N, C-alpha and C. Protein backbone atom coordinates (compact mmCIF):
# COMPACT_ATOMS: atom_id res chain seq x y z
N MET A 1 -98.04 -26.11 -45.30
CA MET A 1 -98.71 -26.08 -44.00
C MET A 1 -99.86 -27.07 -44.02
N ASP A 2 -99.89 -27.99 -43.08
CA ASP A 2 -100.98 -28.96 -43.00
C ASP A 2 -102.27 -28.26 -42.61
N THR A 3 -103.39 -28.85 -43.02
CA THR A 3 -104.67 -28.29 -42.62
C THR A 3 -104.95 -28.63 -41.16
N LEU A 4 -105.71 -27.78 -40.52
CA LEU A 4 -106.05 -27.99 -39.11
C LEU A 4 -107.17 -29.02 -39.00
N PRO A 5 -107.19 -29.76 -37.90
CA PRO A 5 -108.29 -30.70 -37.68
C PRO A 5 -109.62 -29.97 -37.51
N GLU A 6 -110.71 -30.69 -37.70
CA GLU A 6 -112.04 -30.11 -37.60
C GLU A 6 -112.32 -29.45 -36.25
N TYR A 7 -111.73 -29.98 -35.18
CA TYR A 7 -112.04 -29.45 -33.85
C TYR A 7 -111.28 -28.17 -33.52
N ILE A 8 -110.38 -27.75 -34.37
CA ILE A 8 -109.70 -26.48 -34.13
C ILE A 8 -110.32 -25.41 -35.01
N LYS A 9 -111.41 -24.86 -34.48
CA LYS A 9 -112.14 -23.77 -35.10
C LYS A 9 -112.54 -22.82 -33.99
N ILE A 10 -112.72 -21.56 -34.32
CA ILE A 10 -113.12 -20.57 -33.32
C ILE A 10 -114.44 -21.02 -32.68
N GLY A 11 -114.45 -21.00 -31.35
CA GLY A 11 -115.63 -21.38 -30.58
C GLY A 11 -115.64 -22.83 -30.11
N MET A 12 -114.72 -23.64 -30.62
CA MET A 12 -114.68 -25.06 -30.24
C MET A 12 -113.94 -25.24 -28.91
N PHE A 13 -114.32 -26.26 -28.16
CA PHE A 13 -113.66 -26.58 -26.90
C PHE A 13 -112.53 -27.57 -27.15
N VAL A 14 -111.39 -27.31 -26.50
CA VAL A 14 -110.21 -28.16 -26.67
C VAL A 14 -109.59 -28.47 -25.32
N ARG A 15 -108.89 -29.58 -25.26
CA ARG A 15 -108.11 -29.93 -24.07
C ARG A 15 -106.65 -29.63 -24.38
N VAL A 16 -106.01 -28.92 -23.47
CA VAL A 16 -104.60 -28.58 -23.60
C VAL A 16 -103.93 -29.06 -22.31
N ALA A 17 -103.12 -30.09 -22.43
CA ALA A 17 -102.46 -30.67 -21.25
C ALA A 17 -103.51 -31.05 -20.22
N GLU A 18 -103.49 -30.38 -19.05
CA GLU A 18 -104.40 -30.73 -17.95
C GLU A 18 -105.59 -29.79 -17.83
N TRP A 19 -105.83 -28.95 -18.83
CA TRP A 19 -106.93 -28.00 -18.72
C TRP A 19 -107.77 -27.95 -20.00
N VAL A 20 -108.98 -27.41 -19.87
CA VAL A 20 -109.91 -27.29 -20.99
C VAL A 20 -110.04 -25.82 -21.33
N GLY A 21 -110.10 -25.51 -22.62
CA GLY A 21 -110.24 -24.14 -23.05
C GLY A 21 -111.13 -24.04 -24.28
N ARG A 22 -111.30 -22.83 -24.74
CA ARG A 22 -112.11 -22.58 -25.94
C ARG A 22 -111.27 -21.78 -26.93
N VAL A 23 -111.30 -22.18 -28.19
CA VAL A 23 -110.54 -21.50 -29.23
C VAL A 23 -111.18 -20.13 -29.49
N GLU A 24 -110.37 -19.08 -29.32
CA GLU A 24 -110.84 -17.70 -29.51
C GLU A 24 -110.38 -17.11 -30.84
N ASP A 25 -109.21 -17.53 -31.31
CA ASP A 25 -108.66 -16.97 -32.55
C ASP A 25 -107.63 -17.94 -33.11
N ILE A 26 -107.39 -17.85 -34.40
CA ILE A 26 -106.39 -18.68 -35.07
C ILE A 26 -105.62 -17.79 -36.03
N THR A 27 -104.30 -17.86 -35.97
CA THR A 27 -103.45 -17.10 -36.87
C THR A 27 -102.55 -18.08 -37.62
N ILE A 28 -102.59 -18.00 -38.93
CA ILE A 28 -101.78 -18.90 -39.75
C ILE A 28 -100.73 -18.10 -40.50
N GLY A 29 -99.47 -18.38 -40.18
CA GLY A 29 -98.35 -17.72 -40.84
C GLY A 29 -97.68 -18.68 -41.81
N GLN A 30 -96.57 -18.27 -42.37
CA GLN A 30 -95.84 -19.13 -43.31
C GLN A 30 -95.20 -20.31 -42.62
N LYS A 31 -94.77 -20.13 -41.37
CA LYS A 31 -94.08 -21.21 -40.66
C LYS A 31 -94.82 -21.73 -39.43
N HIS A 32 -95.74 -20.94 -38.91
CA HIS A 32 -96.39 -21.31 -37.64
C HIS A 32 -97.90 -21.13 -37.71
N VAL A 33 -98.59 -21.95 -36.95
CA VAL A 33 -100.02 -21.78 -36.72
C VAL A 33 -100.18 -21.55 -35.22
N MET A 34 -100.79 -20.42 -34.86
CA MET A 34 -100.99 -20.07 -33.46
C MET A 34 -102.48 -20.07 -33.17
N ILE A 35 -102.82 -20.63 -32.00
CA ILE A 35 -104.21 -20.75 -31.59
C ILE A 35 -104.37 -20.04 -30.24
N LEU A 36 -105.30 -19.08 -30.17
CA LEU A 36 -105.58 -18.36 -28.93
C LEU A 36 -106.66 -19.12 -28.18
N VAL A 37 -106.33 -19.55 -26.95
CA VAL A 37 -107.25 -20.37 -26.16
C VAL A 37 -107.54 -19.68 -24.83
N SER A 38 -108.83 -19.51 -24.53
CA SER A 38 -109.23 -18.97 -23.22
C SER A 38 -109.69 -20.13 -22.35
N SER A 39 -109.63 -19.93 -21.04
CA SER A 39 -109.99 -21.03 -20.14
C SER A 39 -110.45 -20.50 -18.79
N PRO A 40 -111.15 -21.34 -18.02
CA PRO A 40 -111.54 -20.95 -16.67
C PRO A 40 -110.33 -20.67 -15.78
N LYS A 41 -109.21 -21.35 -16.03
CA LYS A 41 -108.04 -21.15 -15.18
C LYS A 41 -107.50 -19.73 -15.32
N GLN A 42 -107.71 -19.09 -16.47
CA GLN A 42 -107.21 -17.72 -16.62
C GLN A 42 -107.97 -16.77 -15.72
N VAL A 43 -109.24 -17.03 -15.47
CA VAL A 43 -110.02 -16.20 -14.55
C VAL A 43 -109.51 -16.42 -13.13
N TYR A 44 -109.32 -17.69 -12.76
CA TYR A 44 -108.85 -18.02 -11.42
C TYR A 44 -107.47 -17.43 -11.16
N ARG A 45 -106.60 -17.46 -12.16
CA ARG A 45 -105.23 -16.99 -11.99
C ARG A 45 -105.03 -15.54 -12.44
N HIS A 46 -106.12 -14.89 -12.84
CA HIS A 46 -106.06 -13.50 -13.30
C HIS A 46 -105.05 -13.34 -14.44
N SER A 47 -105.15 -14.22 -15.43
CA SER A 47 -104.23 -14.15 -16.57
C SER A 47 -105.01 -14.02 -17.86
N SER A 48 -104.29 -13.83 -18.94
CA SER A 48 -104.88 -13.63 -20.26
C SER A 48 -105.02 -14.96 -21.00
N PRO A 49 -105.84 -14.98 -22.06
CA PRO A 49 -105.86 -16.17 -22.91
C PRO A 49 -104.45 -16.47 -23.42
N GLU A 50 -104.20 -17.72 -23.76
CA GLU A 50 -102.85 -18.13 -24.15
C GLU A 50 -102.77 -18.42 -25.65
N TRP A 51 -101.71 -17.90 -26.28
CA TRP A 51 -101.42 -18.26 -27.66
C TRP A 51 -100.59 -19.53 -27.64
N LEU A 52 -101.07 -20.56 -28.31
CA LEU A 52 -100.38 -21.85 -28.36
C LEU A 52 -100.05 -22.18 -29.80
N GLU A 53 -98.89 -22.75 -30.00
CA GLU A 53 -98.50 -23.13 -31.36
C GLU A 53 -99.04 -24.52 -31.68
N TRP A 54 -99.66 -24.64 -32.83
CA TRP A 54 -100.17 -25.94 -33.29
C TRP A 54 -99.06 -26.69 -34.01
N HIS A 55 -98.88 -27.93 -33.63
CA HIS A 55 -97.88 -28.79 -34.27
C HIS A 55 -98.60 -29.98 -34.89
N ALA A 56 -98.60 -30.06 -36.19
CA ALA A 56 -99.30 -31.16 -36.88
C ALA A 56 -98.70 -32.51 -36.52
N ASP A 57 -97.42 -32.53 -36.16
CA ASP A 57 -96.78 -33.79 -35.81
C ASP A 57 -97.03 -34.18 -34.34
N ALA A 58 -97.71 -33.32 -33.59
CA ALA A 58 -98.04 -33.63 -32.19
C ALA A 58 -99.46 -33.15 -31.88
N PRO A 59 -100.47 -33.70 -32.58
CA PRO A 59 -101.84 -33.21 -32.39
C PRO A 59 -102.40 -33.46 -31.00
N GLU A 60 -101.80 -34.37 -30.24
CA GLU A 60 -102.31 -34.65 -28.89
C GLU A 60 -102.10 -33.49 -27.93
N LEU A 61 -101.25 -32.52 -28.31
CA LEU A 61 -101.03 -31.37 -27.44
C LEU A 61 -102.28 -30.50 -27.32
N ILE A 62 -103.08 -30.46 -28.38
CA ILE A 62 -104.35 -29.76 -28.36
C ILE A 62 -105.37 -30.74 -28.94
N SER A 63 -106.20 -31.30 -28.08
CA SER A 63 -107.13 -32.34 -28.52
C SER A 63 -108.58 -31.87 -28.35
N PRO A 64 -109.53 -32.54 -28.99
CA PRO A 64 -110.93 -32.11 -28.87
C PRO A 64 -111.46 -32.29 -27.45
N SER A 65 -112.40 -31.43 -27.09
CA SER A 65 -113.04 -31.52 -25.78
C SER A 65 -114.53 -31.24 -25.97
N SER A 66 -115.21 -30.90 -24.87
CA SER A 66 -116.66 -30.73 -24.95
C SER A 66 -117.14 -29.64 -23.98
N LEU A 67 -118.39 -29.24 -24.17
CA LEU A 67 -118.99 -28.28 -23.25
C LEU A 67 -119.06 -28.86 -21.85
N ALA A 68 -119.34 -30.15 -21.74
CA ALA A 68 -119.41 -30.79 -20.41
C ALA A 68 -118.07 -30.69 -19.68
N ALA A 69 -116.99 -30.89 -20.41
CA ALA A 69 -115.66 -30.78 -19.80
C ALA A 69 -115.39 -29.34 -19.38
N TRP A 70 -115.85 -28.37 -20.19
CA TRP A 70 -115.70 -26.95 -19.86
C TRP A 70 -116.45 -26.64 -18.56
N VAL A 71 -117.68 -27.13 -18.44
CA VAL A 71 -118.48 -26.90 -17.23
C VAL A 71 -117.79 -27.53 -16.02
N ASP A 72 -117.27 -28.74 -16.18
CA ASP A 72 -116.54 -29.40 -15.09
C ASP A 72 -115.34 -28.56 -14.66
N GLU A 73 -114.62 -28.03 -15.65
CA GLU A 73 -113.45 -27.19 -15.36
C GLU A 73 -113.87 -25.93 -14.60
N CYS A 74 -114.96 -25.29 -15.05
CA CYS A 74 -115.46 -24.10 -14.35
C CYS A 74 -115.85 -24.44 -12.91
N SER A 75 -116.53 -25.56 -12.73
CA SER A 75 -116.95 -25.98 -11.39
C SER A 75 -115.75 -26.21 -10.48
N ARG A 76 -114.72 -26.82 -11.04
CA ARG A 76 -113.51 -27.09 -10.26
C ARG A 76 -112.88 -25.79 -9.78
N TYR A 77 -112.78 -24.80 -10.67
CA TYR A 77 -112.19 -23.52 -10.27
C TYR A 77 -113.10 -22.73 -9.34
N MET A 78 -114.41 -22.84 -9.50
CA MET A 78 -115.33 -22.16 -8.58
C MET A 78 -115.22 -22.75 -7.18
N THR A 79 -115.10 -24.08 -7.11
CA THR A 79 -114.93 -24.74 -5.82
C THR A 79 -113.64 -24.29 -5.16
N ARG A 80 -112.56 -24.26 -5.93
CA ARG A 80 -111.27 -23.83 -5.40
C ARG A 80 -111.32 -22.38 -4.92
N THR A 81 -111.98 -21.52 -5.70
CA THR A 81 -112.09 -20.10 -5.32
C THR A 81 -112.90 -19.96 -4.03
N THR A 82 -114.00 -20.70 -3.92
CA THR A 82 -114.82 -20.66 -2.71
C THR A 82 -114.02 -21.10 -1.49
N GLN A 83 -113.23 -22.16 -1.65
CA GLN A 83 -112.39 -22.64 -0.55
C GLN A 83 -111.35 -21.59 -0.16
N ASP A 84 -110.77 -20.93 -1.15
CA ASP A 84 -109.78 -19.88 -0.87
C ASP A 84 -110.42 -18.73 -0.09
N TYR A 85 -111.63 -18.30 -0.50
CA TYR A 85 -112.32 -17.23 0.21
C TYR A 85 -112.65 -17.65 1.64
N GLN A 86 -113.07 -18.89 1.82
CA GLN A 86 -113.38 -19.38 3.17
C GLN A 86 -112.14 -19.33 4.05
N LYS A 87 -110.98 -19.69 3.51
CA LYS A 87 -109.73 -19.61 4.27
C LYS A 87 -109.43 -18.17 4.65
N LEU A 88 -109.62 -17.25 3.72
CA LEU A 88 -109.36 -15.83 4.01
C LEU A 88 -110.29 -15.32 5.11
N PHE A 89 -111.57 -15.65 5.03
CA PHE A 89 -112.51 -15.20 6.04
C PHE A 89 -112.21 -15.81 7.40
N THR A 90 -111.80 -17.07 7.42
CA THR A 90 -111.42 -17.73 8.66
C THR A 90 -110.21 -17.04 9.28
N MET A 91 -109.25 -16.68 8.46
CA MET A 91 -108.06 -15.97 8.95
C MET A 91 -108.45 -14.62 9.54
N ALA A 92 -109.40 -13.93 8.90
CA ALA A 92 -109.81 -12.61 9.37
C ALA A 92 -110.57 -12.68 10.68
N GLU A 93 -111.25 -13.79 10.92
CA GLU A 93 -112.04 -13.93 12.14
C GLU A 93 -111.19 -14.26 13.36
N LYS A 94 -110.03 -14.83 13.15
CA LYS A 94 -109.16 -15.21 14.26
C LYS A 94 -108.48 -13.97 14.83
N PRO A 95 -108.37 -13.88 16.16
CA PRO A 95 -107.65 -12.74 16.73
C PRO A 95 -106.16 -12.86 16.42
N PHE A 96 -105.53 -11.73 16.30
CA PHE A 96 -104.08 -11.73 16.06
C PHE A 96 -103.35 -12.16 17.32
N GLU A 97 -102.38 -13.02 17.14
CA GLU A 97 -101.58 -13.48 18.28
C GLU A 97 -100.29 -12.72 18.31
N LYS A 98 -99.84 -12.40 19.51
CA LYS A 98 -98.57 -11.67 19.66
C LYS A 98 -97.47 -12.61 20.00
């Protein structure tokens, strides 16, 4: 089993595909390395942290990130949530049409 890169440690920020997350747990088995990643999108989508498999031959799947990227991600989801609530309130204010 290859050693994990320095940026894959509990508490570190990582980029996974199009989103940013934080490493919550790491499990190393005989054949697989699994990384538990939490993210702002899980709050927005009401989902749980995701277990992702680490592949040493494809390190770009989970790459290093930063606190600034995490804050940007949180801001993006807060903006989206605010817009969703505004749509709901607008719908509630309109009279029902028959």
